[in-house]
Amino acid sequence: MSGYHPDHCATPPAPPPKPGSHETSRMATPSGVGSSSSVPPPPPPPPGYGNHGANEPSQLQHVQAADAEAGMQQHQLDVSQPMPDPGAGWLPEMLQDKSIQDLAAILASPALLQALTHAPAAAHPSLTASHVALTSALSSNAALGAQLSGMGARLAGARSATQAQLLSAHALERQWRQRQSDMDHALAPFSPAALYQALAHGVQEQAQVCQAMEDSFLEGGGGGGGRGEGAGGGGGGELLTEREVAEWVKGYREAKVLYYQRQERKERWDEGRVGGWR
């Protein structure tokens, strides 16, 4: 109010300058009659105060924030601040009429001083209030401790049950691994590698059987034997009859058919034309 002059009373104060489009503080502020009625108009600017109006919204926001913070702090003080200390000169009502000698005797006795300090009739209201708050906190702490003890017992039971289930799961896992090992061992002869090895061995074995039949036929008399004087130095055996030759041809043909079948199966496997193992 020191900058206000009497010559300004006849003319109304000039309105503050309107903010430009580049000022972000006014972009979200509605301009209308309803908004101007809720907030009182700012005081007139003093002479020579240039662009003070452009900064008024930010100052108002700071003031409102400060008021809100002060109210919150006051509320916290009202809730959490204890009663003020009575000071060094406070005496209980029952001791105010005592003499100095009696007060000195009370001060010299710690037990009597402790009893007078915490006696309901002689204690200060601040001490009683602190005792009430402490009793409430202790009761809440005891209740939380009892609840925590119950939760600890339940947790111990759940932990024991979980431990037993975990041990059972490990035992079942070991049993399953043993069963799986037995299954793999039992199915090993029927694996693709074992079947292919057996087929290749069967092809070689059947080829050897056919070769042995050919050698036995040639050495046993099918192509040996002579006539006349050379009969003794011929093949060393008698000539086979027509029936024996027919039986040998039949057996050799069957052995050769089996050899060709096995060889064809092996070739199909090598080409990847076996169902299930392509």
Foldseek 3Di string as FASTA:
>chain_A
DVLDDPVCPVDDADDADDDDPVDPVCPPPDDDDVVPVVDDDDDHDGPPPHNPVVCVVVVVVVVVVVVVVVVVVVVCCVVPPFDDDPDDPDFFPVCPPPDPVVVVVCVVDPVSVVCQCPPPRTHDVRVVVVVVVVVVVVVVVVVVVVVVVVVVVVVVVVVVVVVVVVVVVVVVVVVVVVVVVVVCVVCVCVDPVNVLVVLVVVLVVLVVVLVVLVVCCCLAACVWADDDPCRCVISNHHHDDPVVVVVSVVVSVVSVVVNVVSVVVSVCVVVVNDPPRD
